[in-house]
Amino acid sequence: HLDIPVNQTNKIYVNQVQSLKESVESALGKDNVVLDLHQMSSD
C-alpha cells in the first residue's frame, strides 16, 4: 500500500494522480500494489 497525498483544490492535479494510480495498478495488479490517494486541503 502506497500513500499519496492529493491537493483536492486542483482538478488537474487530482486527475494526474488518479491517472498515475490507474496505470500502476493496471500494470502491476491490485493484488500486488495499491495506490491509496488521500485528498486534503492545500494547507
PDB file of all heavy atoms in Angstrom:
ATOM      1  N   HIS A   1       0.843  -1.198   0.000  1.00  0.00           N
ATOM      2  CA  HIS A   1       0.000   0.000   0.000  1.00  0.00           C
ATOM      3  C   HIS A   1       0.875   1.244   0.000  1.00  0.00           C
ATOM      4  O   HIS A   1       1.724   1.426   0.877  1.00  0.00           O
ATOM      5  CB  HIS A   1      -0.918   0.008   1.222  1.00  0.00           C
ATOM      6  CG  HIS A   1      -2.083  -0.911   1.108  1.00  0.00           C
ATOM      7  ND1 HIS A   1      -3.309  -0.519   0.617  1.00  0.00           N
ATOM      8  CD2 HIS A   1      -2.200  -2.241   1.407  1.00  0.00           C
ATOM      9  CE1 HIS A   1      -4.135  -1.546   0.616  1.00  0.00           C
ATOM     10  NE2 HIS A   1      -3.499  -2.605   1.095  1.00  0.00           N
ATOM     11  N   LEU A   2       0.670   2.104  -1.006  1.00  0.00           N
ATOM     12  CA  LEU A   2       1.460   3.328  -1.157  1.00  0.00           C
ATOM     13  C   LEU A   2       0.556   4.541  -0.969  1.00  0.00           C
ATOM     14  O   LEU A   2      -0.366   4.776  -1.747  1.00  0.00           O
ATOM     15  CB  LEU A   2       2.112   3.369  -2.544  1.00  0.00           C
ATOM     16  CG  LEU A   2       3.082   2.228  -2.855  1.00  0.00           C
ATOM     17  CD1 LEU A   2       3.482   2.247  -4.329  1.00  0.00           C
ATOM     18  CD2 LEU A   2       4.320   2.318  -1.975  1.00  0.00           C
ATOM     19  N   ASP A   3       0.815   5.308   0.088  1.00  0.00           N
ATOM     20  CA  ASP A   3       0.023   6.504   0.382  1.00  0.00           C
ATOM     21  C   ASP A   3       0.503   7.688  -0.456  1.00  0.00           C
ATOM     22  O   ASP A   3       1.702   7.999  -0.489  1.00  0.00           O
ATOM     23  CB  ASP A   3       0.146   6.876   1.863  1.00  0.00           C
ATOM     24  CG  ASP A   3      -0.468   5.838   2.784  1.00  0.00           C
ATOM     25  OD1 ASP A   3      -1.572   5.359   2.467  1.00  0.00           O
ATOM     26  OD2 ASP A   3       0.158   5.506   3.816  1.00  0.00           O
ATOM     27  N   ILE A   4      -0.447   8.366  -1.111  1.00  0.00           N
ATOM     28  CA  ILE A   4      -0.143   9.554  -1.911  1.00  0.00           C
ATOM     29  C   ILE A   4      -1.055  10.699  -1.477  1.00  0.00           C
ATOM     30  O   ILE A   4      -2.276  10.611  -1.637  1.00  0.00           O
ATOM     31  CB  ILE A   4      -0.348   9.301  -3.415  1.00  0.00           C
ATOM     32  CG1 ILE A   4       0.449   8.088  -3.883  1.00  0.00           C
ATOM     33  CG2 ILE A   4       0.054  10.537  -4.221  1.00  0.00           C
ATOM     34  CD1 ILE A   4       0.275   7.782  -5.352  1.00  0.00           C
ATOM     35  N   PRO A   5      -0.497  11.789  -0.937  1.00  0.00           N
ATOM     36  CA  PRO A   5      -1.324  12.953  -0.606  1.00  0.00           C
ATOM     37  C   PRO A   5      -1.741  13.682  -1.878  1.00  0.00           C
ATOM     38  O   PRO A   5      -0.972  13.780  -2.835  1.00  0.00           O
ATOM     39  CB  PRO A   5      -0.401  13.814   0.259  1.00  0.00           C
ATOM     40  CG  PRO A   5       0.975  13.444  -0.179  1.00  0.00           C
ATOM     41  CD  PRO A   5       0.915  11.997  -0.581  1.00  0.00           C
ATOM     42  N   VAL A   6      -2.966  14.221  -1.888  1.00  0.00           N
ATOM     43  CA  VAL A   6      -3.502  14.887  -3.070  1.00  0.00           C
ATOM     44  C   VAL A   6      -4.130  16.217  -2.662  1.00  0.00           C
ATOM     45  O   VAL A   6      -4.960  16.260  -1.752  1.00  0.00           O
ATOM     46  CB  VAL A   6      -4.568  14.020  -3.779  1.00  0.00           C
ATOM     47  CG1 VAL A   6      -5.069  14.712  -5.041  1.00  0.00           C
ATOM     48  CG2 VAL A   6      -4.012  12.641  -4.108  1.00  0.00           C
ATOM     49  N   ASN A   7      -3.729  17.269  -3.327  1.00  0.00           N
ATOM     50  CA  ASN A   7      -4.333  18.580  -3.102  1.00  0.00           C
ATOM     51  C   ASN A   7      -5.681  18.605  -3.818  1.00  0.00           C
ATOM     52  O   ASN A   7      -5.756  18.732  -5.037  1.00  0.00           O
ATOM     53  CB  ASN A   7      -3.425  19.679  -3.632  1.00  0.00           C
ATOM     54  CG  ASN A   7      -3.989  21.069  -3.429  1.00  0.00           C
ATOM     55  OD1 ASN A   7      -5.091  21.230  -2.904  1.00  0.00           O
ATOM     56  ND2 ASN A   7      -3.255  22.075  -3.854  1.00  0.00           N
ATOM     57  N   GLN A   8      -6.761  18.507  -3.067  1.00  0.00           N
ATOM     58  CA  GLN A   8      -8.093  18.363  -3.661  1.00  0.00           C
ATOM     59  C   GLN A   8      -8.604  19.636  -4.315  1.00  0.00           C
ATOM     60  O   GLN A   8      -9.590  19.608  -5.059  1.00  0.00           O
ATOM     61  CB  GLN A   8      -9.080  17.923  -2.586  1.00  0.00           C
ATOM     62  CG  GLN A   8      -9.292  18.939  -1.481  1.00  0.00           C
ATOM     63  CD  GLN A   8     -10.154  18.405  -0.354  1.00  0.00           C
ATOM     64  OE1 GLN A   8     -10.467  17.212  -0.325  1.00  0.00           O
ATOM     65  NE2 GLN A   8     -10.538  19.271   0.572  1.00  0.00           N
ATOM     66  N   THR A   9      -7.918  20.770  -4.097  1.00  0.00           N
ATOM     67  CA  THR A   9      -8.399  22.034  -4.662  1.00  0.00           C
ATOM     68  C   THR A   9      -8.021  22.198  -6.127  1.00  0.00           C
ATOM     69  O   THR A   9      -8.513  23.110  -6.789  1.00  0.00           O
ATOM     70  CB  THR A   9      -7.844  23.229  -3.872  1.00  0.00           C
ATOM     71  OG1 THR A   9      -6.413  23.242  -3.967  1.00  0.00           O
ATOM     72  CG2 THR A   9      -8.246  23.138  -2.406  1.00  0.00           C
ATOM     73  N   ASN A  10      -7.144  21.341  -6.628  1.00  0.00           N
ATOM     74  CA  ASN A  10      -6.688  21.484  -8.004  1.00  0.00           C
ATOM     75  C   ASN A  10      -7.153  20.303  -8.840  1.00  0.00           C
ATOM     76  O   ASN A  10      -6.653  19.186  -8.691  1.00  0.00           O
ATOM     77  CB  ASN A  10      -5.164  21.607  -8.044  1.00  0.00           C
ATOM     78  CG  ASN A  10      -4.661  21.976  -9.423  1.00  0.00           C
ATOM     79  OD1 ASN A  10      -4.739  21.188 -10.349  1.00  0.00           O
ATOM     80  ND2 ASN A  10      -4.149  23.186  -9.558  1.00  0.00           N
ATOM     81  N   LYS A  11      -8.092  20.543  -9.734  1.00  0.00           N
ATOM     82  CA  LYS A  11      -8.708  19.473 -10.512  1.00  0.00           C
ATOM     83  C   LYS A  11      -7.694  18.753 -11.398  1.00  0.00           C
ATOM     84  O   LYS A  11      -7.696  17.518 -11.488  1.00  0.00           O
ATOM     85  CB  LYS A  11      -9.838  20.045 -11.373  1.00  0.00           C
ATOM     86  CG  LYS A  11     -10.562  19.005 -12.218  1.00  0.00           C
ATOM     87  CD  LYS A  11     -11.672  19.638 -13.042  1.00  0.00           C
ATOM     88  CE  LYS A  11     -12.354  18.598 -13.931  1.00  0.00           C
ATOM     89  NZ  LYS A  11     -13.429  19.214 -14.763  1.00  0.00           N
ATOM     90  N   ILE A  12      -6.836  19.509 -12.073  1.00  0.00           N
ATOM     91  CA  ILE A  12      -5.858  18.884 -12.962  1.00  0.00           C
ATOM     92  C   ILE A  12      -4.907  18.000 -12.173  1.00  0.00           C
ATOM     93  O   ILE A  12      -4.582  16.878 -12.580  1.00  0.00           O
ATOM     94  CB  ILE A  12      -5.079  19.961 -13.749  1.00  0.00           C
ATOM     95  CG1 ILE A  12      -6.012  20.665 -14.730  1.00  0.00           C
ATOM     96  CG2 ILE A  12      -3.900  19.344 -14.496  1.00  0.00           C
ATOM     97  CD1 ILE A  12      -5.374  21.824 -15.472  1.00  0.00           C
ATOM     98  N   TYR A  13      -4.464  18.492 -11.034  1.00  0.00           N
ATOM     99  CA  TYR A  13      -3.557  17.712 -10.189  1.00  0.00           C
ATOM    100  C   TYR A  13      -4.232  16.418  -9.729  1.00  0.00           C
ATOM    101  O   TYR A  13      -3.628  15.341  -9.767  1.00  0.00           O
ATOM    102  CB  TYR A  13      -3.131  18.563  -8.993  1.00  0.00           C
ATOM    103  CG  TYR A  13      -2.150  17.892  -8.072  1.00  0.00           C
ATOM    104  CD1 TYR A  13      -0.798  17.827  -8.394  1.00  0.00           C
ATOM    105  CD2 TYR A  13      -2.573  17.323  -6.871  1.00  0.00           C
ATOM    106  CE1 TYR A  13       0.098  17.209  -7.543  1.00  0.00           C
ATOM    107  CE2 TYR A  13      -1.679  16.713  -6.014  1.00  0.00           C
ATOM    108  CZ  TYR A  13      -0.341  16.657  -6.353  1.00  0.00           C
ATOM    109  OH  TYR A  13       0.543  16.046  -5.510  1.00  0.00           O
ATOM    110  N   VAL A  14      -5.491  16.511  -9.309  1.00  0.00           N
ATOM    111  CA  VAL A  14      -6.240  15.322  -8.883  1.00  0.00           C
ATOM    112  C   VAL A  14      -6.318  14.319 -10.023  1.00  0.00           C
ATOM    113  O   VAL A  14      -6.084  13.110  -9.839  1.00  0.00           O
ATOM    114  CB  VAL A  14      -7.652  15.710  -8.406  1.00  0.00           C
ATOM    115  CG1 VAL A  14      -8.490  14.455  -8.155  1.00  0.00           C
ATOM    116  CG2 VAL A  14      -7.576  16.544  -7.136  1.00  0.00           C
ATOM    117  N   ASN A  15      -6.617  14.801 -11.216  1.00  0.00           N
ATOM    118  CA  ASN A  15      -6.720  13.908 -12.372  1.00  0.00           C
ATOM    119  C   ASN A  15      -5.386  13.252 -12.695  1.00  0.00           C
ATOM    120  O   ASN A  15      -5.330  12.084 -13.103  1.00  0.00           O
ATOM    121  CB  ASN A  15      -7.224  14.685 -13.586  1.00  0.00           C
ATOM    122  CG  ASN A  15      -8.675  15.105 -13.451  1.00  0.00           C
ATOM    123  OD1 ASN A  15      -9.414  14.564 -12.626  1.00  0.00           O
ATOM    124  ND2 ASN A  15      -9.098  16.069 -14.252  1.00  0.00           N
ATOM    125  N   GLN A  16      -4.299  13.997 -12.537  1.00  0.00           N
ATOM    126  CA  GLN A  16      -2.984  13.428 -12.814  1.00  0.00           C
ATOM    127  C   GLN A  16      -2.658  12.294 -11.846  1.00  0.00           C
ATOM    128  O   GLN A  16      -2.135  11.245 -12.245  1.00  0.00           O
ATOM    129  CB  GLN A  16      -1.917  14.520 -12.747  1.00  0.00           C
ATOM    130  CG  GLN A  16      -1.931  15.467 -13.940  1.00  0.00           C
ATOM    131  CD  GLN A  16      -0.836  16.511 -13.869  1.00  0.00           C
ATOM    132  OE1 GLN A  16      -0.530  17.050 -12.807  1.00  0.00           O
ATOM    133  NE2 GLN A  16      -0.244  16.822 -15.003  1.00  0.00           N
ATOM    134  N   VAL A  17      -2.944  12.500 -10.568  1.00  0.00           N
ATOM    135  CA  VAL A  17      -2.654  11.460  -9.578  1.00  0.00           C
ATOM    136  C   VAL A  17      -3.541  10.236  -9.810  1.00  0.00           C
ATOM    137  O   VAL A  17      -3.094   9.092  -9.674  1.00  0.00           O
ATOM    138  CB  VAL A  17      -2.830  12.011  -8.151  1.00  0.00           C
ATOM    139  CG1 VAL A  17      -2.515  10.912  -7.126  1.00  0.00           C
ATOM    140  CG2 VAL A  17      -1.916  13.206  -7.916  1.00  0.00           C
ATOM    141  N   GLN A  18      -4.784  10.456 -10.181  1.00  0.00           N
ATOM    142  CA  GLN A  18      -5.672   9.324 -10.486  1.00  0.00           C
ATOM    143  C   GLN A  18      -5.180   8.555 -11.701  1.00  0.00           C
ATOM    144  O   GLN A  18      -5.267   7.321 -11.753  1.00  0.00           O
ATOM    145  CB  GLN A  18      -7.104   9.831 -10.697  1.00  0.00           C
ATOM    146  CG  GLN A  18      -7.768  10.298  -9.412  1.00  0.00           C
ATOM    147  CD  GLN A  18      -9.138  10.899  -9.617  1.00  0.00           C
ATOM    148  OE1 GLN A  18      -9.466  11.379 -10.712  1.00  0.00           O
ATOM    149  NE2 GLN A  18      -9.959  10.900  -8.575  1.00  0.00           N
ATOM    150  N   SER A  19      -4.628   9.289 -12.685  1.00  0.00           N
ATOM    151  CA  SER A  19      -4.041   8.636 -13.858  1.00  0.00           C
ATOM    152  C   SER A  19      -2.855   7.771 -13.453  1.00  0.00           C
ATOM    153  O   SER A  19      -2.677   6.655 -13.957  1.00  0.00           O
ATOM    154  CB  SER A  19      -3.611   9.701 -14.871  1.00  0.00           C
ATOM    155  OG  SER A  19      -2.829   9.136 -15.904  1.00  0.00           O
ATOM    156  N   LEU A  20      -2.035   8.296 -12.550  1.00  0.00           N
ATOM    157  CA  LEU A  20      -0.880   7.546 -12.042  1.00  0.00           C
ATOM    158  C   LEU A  20      -1.337   6.255 -11.367  1.00  0.00           C
ATOM    159  O   LEU A  20      -0.780   5.173 -11.614  1.00  0.00           O
ATOM    160  CB  LEU A  20      -0.106   8.425 -11.055  1.00  0.00           C
ATOM    161  CG  LEU A  20       1.167   7.831 -10.470  1.00  0.00           C
ATOM    162  CD1 LEU A  20       2.303   7.954 -11.472  1.00  0.00           C
ATOM    163  CD2 LEU A  20       1.546   8.546  -9.180  1.00  0.00           C
ATOM    164  N   LYS A  21      -2.339   6.377 -10.535  1.00  0.00           N
ATOM    165  CA  LYS A  21      -2.874   5.206  -9.819  1.00  0.00           C
ATOM    166  C   LYS A  21      -3.358   4.146 -10.812  1.00  0.00           C
ATOM    167  O   LYS A  21      -3.034   2.959 -10.682  1.00  0.00           O
ATOM    168  CB  LYS A  21      -4.021   5.639  -8.915  1.00  0.00           C
ATOM    169  CG  LYS A  21      -4.801   4.497  -8.250  1.00  0.00           C
ATOM    170  CD  LYS A  21      -5.930   5.055  -7.389  1.00  0.00           C
ATOM    171  CE  LYS A  21      -6.851   3.949  -6.878  1.00  0.00           C
ATOM    172  NZ  LYS A  21      -6.158   3.058  -5.921  1.00  0.00           N
ATOM    173  N   GLU A  22      -4.097   4.586 -11.803  1.00  0.00           N
ATOM    174  CA  GLU A  22      -4.662   3.654 -12.778  1.00  0.00           C
ATOM    175  C   GLU A  22      -3.574   2.908 -13.550  1.00  0.00           C
ATOM    176  O   GLU A  22      -3.657   1.683 -13.724  1.00  0.00           O
ATOM    177  CB  GLU A  22      -5.558   4.409 -13.758  1.00  0.00           C
ATOM    178  CG  GLU A  22      -6.201   3.521 -14.814  1.00  0.00           C
ATOM    179  CD  GLU A  22      -7.058   4.300 -15.797  1.00  0.00           C
ATOM    180  OE1 GLU A  22      -7.307   5.502 -15.547  1.00  0.00           O
ATOM    181  OE2 GLU A  22      -7.473   3.710 -16.807  1.00  0.00           O
ATOM    182  N   SER A  23      -2.548   3.616 -14.000  1.00  0.00           N
ATOM    183  CA  SER A  23      -1.527   2.962 -14.823  1.00  0.00           C
ATOM    184  C   SER A  23      -0.665   2.003 -14.001  1.00  0.00           C
ATOM    185  O   SER A  23      -0.309   0.917 -14.474  1.00  0.00           O
ATOM    186  CB  SER A  23      -0.655   4.000 -15.536  1.00  0.00           C
ATOM    187  OG  SER A  23       0.113   4.752 -14.624  1.00  0.00           O
ATOM    188  N   VAL A  24      -0.333   2.373 -12.759  1.00  0.00           N
ATOM    189  CA  VAL A  24       0.496   1.499 -11.928  1.00  0.00           C
ATOM    190  C   VAL A  24      -0.274   0.244 -11.522  1.00  0.00           C
ATOM    191  O   VAL A  24       0.241  -0.885 -11.632  1.00  0.00           O
ATOM    192  CB  VAL A  24       1.003   2.254 -10.680  1.00  0.00           C
ATOM    193  CG1 VAL A  24       1.667   1.287  -9.698  1.00  0.00           C
ATOM    194  CG2 VAL A  24       1.990   3.339 -11.081  1.00  0.00           C
ATOM    195  N   GLU A  25      -1.497   0.425 -11.057  1.00  0.00           N
ATOM    196  CA  GLU A  25      -2.272  -0.736 -10.626  1.00  0.00           C
ATOM    197  C   GLU A  25      -2.630  -1.636 -11.793  1.00  0.00           C
ATOM    198  O   GLU A  25      -2.713  -2.864 -11.647  1.00  0.00           O
ATOM    199  CB  GLU A  25      -3.540  -0.266  -9.898  1.00  0.00           C
ATOM    200  CG  GLU A  25      -3.249   0.384  -8.557  1.00  0.00           C
ATOM    201  CD  GLU A  25      -4.499   0.857  -7.829  1.00  0.00           C
ATOM    202  OE1 GLU A  25      -5.598   0.811  -8.447  1.00  0.00           O
ATOM    203  OE2 GLU A  25      -4.384   1.264  -6.665  1.00  0.00           O
ATOM    204  N   SER A  26      -2.829  -1.053 -12.963  1.00  0.00           N
ATOM    205  CA  SER A  26      -3.135  -1.854 -14.152  1.00  0.00           C
ATOM    206  C   SER A  26      -1.936  -2.704 -14.562  1.00  0.00           C
ATOM    207  O   SER A  26      -2.085  -3.879 -14.914  1.00  0.00           O
ATOM    208  CB  SER A  26      -3.544  -0.937 -15.301  1.00  0.00           C
ATOM    209  OG  SER A  26      -3.734  -1.665 -16.494  1.00  0.00           O
ATOM    210  N   ALA A  27      -0.742  -2.102 -14.510  1.00  0.00           N
ATOM    211  CA  ALA A  27       0.460  -2.827 -14.941  1.00  0.00           C
ATOM    212  C   ALA A  27       0.894  -3.881 -13.930  1.00  0.00           C
ATOM    213  O   ALA A  27       1.305  -4.983 -14.308  1.00  0.00           O
ATOM    214  CB  ALA A  27       1.599  -1.835 -15.177  1.00  0.00           C
ATOM    215  N   LEU A  28       0.789  -3.562 -12.636  1.00  0.00           N
ATOM    216  CA  LEU A  28       1.329  -4.458 -11.604  1.00  0.00           C
ATOM    217  C   LEU A  28       0.267  -5.311 -10.929  1.00  0.00           C
ATOM    218  O   LEU A  28       0.598  -6.317 -10.285  1.00  0.00           O
ATOM    219  CB  LEU A  28       2.080  -3.641 -10.552  1.00  0.00           C
ATOM    220  CG  LEU A  28       3.239  -2.790 -11.070  1.00  0.00           C
ATOM    221  CD1 LEU A  28       3.913  -2.044  -9.920  1.00  0.00           C
ATOM    222  CD2 LEU A  28       4.258  -3.638 -11.821  1.00  0.00           C
ATOM    223  N   GLY A  29      -0.992  -4.935 -11.043  1.00  0.00           N
ATOM    224  CA  GLY A  29      -2.067  -5.693 -10.427  1.00  0.00           C
ATOM    225  C   GLY A  29      -2.380  -5.221  -9.014  1.00  0.00           C
ATOM    226  O   GLY A  29      -1.468  -5.023  -8.211  1.00  0.00           O
ATOM    227  N   LYS A  30      -3.674  -5.035  -8.729  1.00  0.00           N
ATOM    228  CA  LYS A  30      -4.072  -4.545  -7.406  1.00  0.00           C
ATOM    229  C   LYS A  30      -3.783  -5.544  -6.295  1.00  0.00           C
ATOM    230  O   LYS A  30      -3.743  -5.188  -5.119  1.00  0.00           O
ATOM    231  CB  LYS A  30      -5.564  -4.201  -7.407  1.00  0.00           C
ATOM    232  CG  LYS A  30      -5.924  -2.986  -8.246  1.00  0.00           C
ATOM    233  CD  LYS A  30      -7.405  -2.664  -8.126  1.00  0.00           C
ATOM    234  CE  LYS A  30      -7.762  -1.446  -8.951  1.00  0.00           C
ATOM    235  NZ  LYS A  30      -9.210  -1.105  -8.853  1.00  0.00           N
ATOM    236  N   ASP A  31      -3.591  -6.814  -6.662  1.00  0.00           N
ATOM    237  CA  ASP A  31      -3.232  -7.798  -5.642  1.00  0.00           C
ATOM    238  C   ASP A  31      -1.763  -7.672  -5.255  1.00  0.00           C
ATOM    239  O   ASP A  31      -1.316  -8.289  -4.274  1.00  0.00           O
ATOM    240  CB  ASP A  31      -3.517  -9.215  -6.147  1.00  0.00           C
ATOM    241  CG  ASP A  31      -2.843  -9.506  -7.485  1.00  0.00           C
ATOM    242  OD1 ASP A  31      -2.598  -8.547  -8.249  1.00  0.00           O
ATOM    243  OD2 ASP A  31      -2.583 -10.687  -7.763  1.00  0.00           O
ATOM    244  N   ASN A  32      -1.031  -6.846  -6.021  1.00  0.00           N
ATOM    245  CA  ASN A  32       0.391  -6.629  -5.728  1.00  0.00           C
ATOM    246  C   ASN A  32       0.683  -5.235  -5.180  1.00  0.00           C
ATOM    247  O   ASN A  32       1.459  -5.076  -4.236  1.00  0.00           O
ATOM    248  CB  ASN A  32       1.226  -6.848  -6.993  1.00  0.00           C
ATOM    249  CG  ASN A  32       1.268  -8.290  -7.417  1.00  0.00           C
ATOM    250  OD1 ASN A  32       1.473  -9.179  -6.592  1.00  0.00           O
ATOM    251  ND2 ASN A  32       1.072  -8.547  -8.709  1.00  0.00           N
ATOM    252  N   VAL A  33       0.077  -4.219  -5.801  1.00  0.00           N
ATOM    253  CA  VAL A  33       0.334  -2.826  -5.408  1.00  0.00           C
ATOM    254  C   VAL A  33      -0.969  -2.043  -5.438  1.00  0.00           C
ATOM    255  O   VAL A  33      -1.723  -2.121  -6.409  1.00  0.00           O
ATOM    256  CB  VAL A  33       1.351  -2.145  -6.353  1.00  0.00           C
ATOM    257  CG1 VAL A  33       1.573  -0.694  -5.932  1.00  0.00           C
ATOM    258  CG2 VAL A  33       2.679  -2.887  -6.359  1.00  0.00           C
ATOM    259  N   VAL A  34      -1.206  -1.268  -4.377  1.00  0.00           N
ATOM    260  CA  VAL A  34      -2.375  -0.392  -4.301  1.00  0.00           C
ATOM    261  C   VAL A  34      -1.901   1.016  -3.971  1.00  0.00           C
ATOM    262  O   VAL A  34      -1.156   1.215  -3.009  1.00  0.00           O
ATOM    263  CB  VAL A  34      -3.381  -0.859  -3.229  1.00  0.00           C
ATOM    264  CG1 VAL A  34      -4.533   0.139  -3.105  1.00  0.00           C
ATOM    265  CG2 VAL A  34      -3.912  -2.239  -3.566  1.00  0.00           C
ATOM    266  N   LEU A  35      -2.313   1.980  -4.787  1.00  0.00           N
ATOM    267  CA  LEU A  35      -2.011   3.381  -4.510  1.00  0.00           C
ATOM    268  C   LEU A  35      -3.205   3.994  -3.800  1.00  0.00           C
ATOM    269  O   LEU A  35      -4.300   4.061  -4.361  1.00  0.00           O
ATOM    270  CB  LEU A  35      -1.707   4.145  -5.807  1.00  0.00           C
ATOM    271  CG  LEU A  35      -0.251   4.093  -6.305  1.00  0.00           C
ATOM    272  CD1 LEU A  35       0.178   2.663  -6.603  1.00  0.00           C
ATOM    273  CD2 LEU A  35      -0.078   4.972  -7.535  1.00  0.00           C
ATOM    274  N   ASP A  36      -3.004   4.398  -2.550  1.00  0.00           N
ATOM    275  CA  ASP A  36      -4.064   4.972  -1.730  1.00  0.00           C
ATOM    276  C   ASP A  36      -3.967   6.488  -1.775  1.00  0.00           C
ATOM    277  O   ASP A  36      -3.001   7.077  -1.268  1.00  0.00           O
ATOM    278  CB  ASP A  36      -3.949   4.481  -0.287  1.00  0.00           C
ATOM    279  CG  ASP A  36      -4.154   2.975  -0.164  1.00  0.00           C
ATOM    280  OD1 ASP A  36      -5.158   2.492  -0.721  1.00  0.00           O
ATOM    281  OD2 ASP A  36      -3.318   2.304   0.471  1.00  0.00           O
ATOM    282  N   LEU A  37      -4.963   7.129  -2.402  1.00  0.00           N
ATOM    283  CA  LEU A  37      -4.964   8.581  -2.556  1.00  0.00           C
ATOM    284  C   LEU A  37      -5.659   9.227  -1.364  1.00  0.00           C
ATOM    285  O   LEU A  37      -6.765   8.827  -0.986  1.00  0.00           O
ATOM    286  CB  LEU A  37      -5.668   8.972  -3.857  1.00  0.00           C
ATOM    287  CG  LEU A  37      -5.235   8.238  -5.125  1.00  0.00           C
ATOM    288  CD1 LEU A  37      -5.875   8.884  -6.350  1.00  0.00           C
ATOM    289  CD2 LEU A  37      -3.723   8.219  -5.266  1.00  0.00           C
ATOM    290  N   HIS A  38      -5.021  10.250  -0.810  1.00  0.00           N
ATOM    291  CA  HIS A  38      -5.574  10.948   0.352  1.00  0.00           C
ATOM    292  C   HIS A  38      -5.805  12.404  -0.020  1.00  0.00           C
ATOM    293  O   HIS A  38      -4.877  13.212  -0.043  1.00  0.00           O
ATOM    294  CB  HIS A  38      -4.615  10.843   1.541  1.00  0.00           C
ATOM    295  CG  HIS A  38      -4.337   9.440   1.962  1.00  0.00           C
ATOM    296  ND1 HIS A  38      -5.154   8.749   2.837  1.00  0.00           N
ATOM    297  CD2 HIS A  38      -3.355   8.570   1.600  1.00  0.00           C
ATOM    298  CE1 HIS A  38      -4.678   7.526   3.012  1.00  0.00           C
ATOM    299  NE2 HIS A  38      -3.586   7.391   2.269  1.00  0.00           N
ATOM    300  N   GLN A  39      -7.055  12.732  -0.355  1.00  0.00           N
ATOM    301  CA  GLN A  39      -7.384  14.100  -0.746  1.00  0.00           C
ATOM    302  C   GLN A  39      -7.524  14.977   0.493  1.00  0.00           C
ATOM    303  O   GLN A  39      -8.129  14.576   1.492  1.00  0.00           O
ATOM    304  CB  GLN A  39      -8.667  14.126  -1.578  1.00  0.00           C
ATOM    305  CG  GLN A  39      -8.524  13.372  -2.892  1.00  0.00           C
ATOM    306  CD  GLN A  39      -9.566  13.772  -3.909  1.00  0.00           C
ATOM    307  OE1 GLN A  39      -9.993  14.922  -3.951  1.00  0.00           O
ATOM    308  NE2 GLN A  39      -9.963  12.819  -4.747  1.00  0.00           N
ATOM    309  N   MET A  40      -6.956  16.195   0.392  1.00  0.00           N
ATOM    310  CA  MET A  40      -6.935  17.095   1.541  1.00  0.00           C
ATOM    311  C   MET A  40      -6.847  18.534   1.075  1.00  0.00           C
ATOM    312  O   MET A  40      -6.650  18.807  -0.113  1.00  0.00           O
ATOM    313  CB  MET A  40      -5.755  16.752   2.453  1.00  0.00           C
ATOM    314  CG  MET A  40      -4.393  16.881   1.781  1.00  0.00           C
ATOM    315  SD  MET A  40      -3.038  16.131   2.739  1.00  0.00           S
ATOM    316  CE  MET A  40      -3.376  14.372   2.518  1.00  0.00           C
ATOM    317  N   SER A  41      -6.963  19.463   2.009  1.00  0.00           N
ATOM    318  CA  SER A  41      -6.873  20.884   1.690  1.00  0.00           C
ATOM    319  C   SER A  41      -5.451  21.253   1.287  1.00  0.00           C
ATOM    320  O   SER A  41      -4.501  20.515   1.567  1.00  0.00           O
ATOM    321  CB  SER A  41      -7.283  21.729   2.898  1.00  0.00           C
ATOM    322  OG  SER A  41      -6.318  21.604   3.932  1.00  0.00           O
ATOM    323  N   SER A  42      -5.312  22.413   0.662  1.00  0.00           N
ATOM    324  CA  SER A  42      -3.984  22.887   0.260  1.00  0.00           C
ATOM    325  C   SER A  42      -3.060  23.008   1.460  1.00  0.00           C
ATOM    326  O   SER A  42      -1.889  22.602   1.403  1.00  0.00           O
ATOM    327  CB  SER A  42      -4.088  24.243  -0.454  1.00  0.00           C
ATOM    328  OG  SER A  42      -4.751  24.121  -1.677  1.00  0.00           O
ATOM    329  N   ASP A  43      -3.567  23.569   2.561  1.00  0.00           N
ATOM    330  CA  ASP A  43      -2.733  23.754   3.752  1.00  0.00           C
ATOM    331  C   ASP A  43      -2.238  22.429   4.295  1.00  0.00           C
ATOM    332  O   ASP A  43      -1.045  22.273   4.606  1.00  0.00           O
ATOM    333  CB  ASP A  43      -3.519  24.506   4.836  1.00  0.00           C
ATOM    334  CG  ASP A  43      -3.714  25.973   4.510  1.00  0.00           C
ATOM    335  OD1 ASP A  43      -3.003  26.478   3.614  1.00  0.00           O
ATOM    336  OD2 ASP A  43      -4.576  26.608   5.143  1.00  0.00           O
TER     337      ASP A  43
END
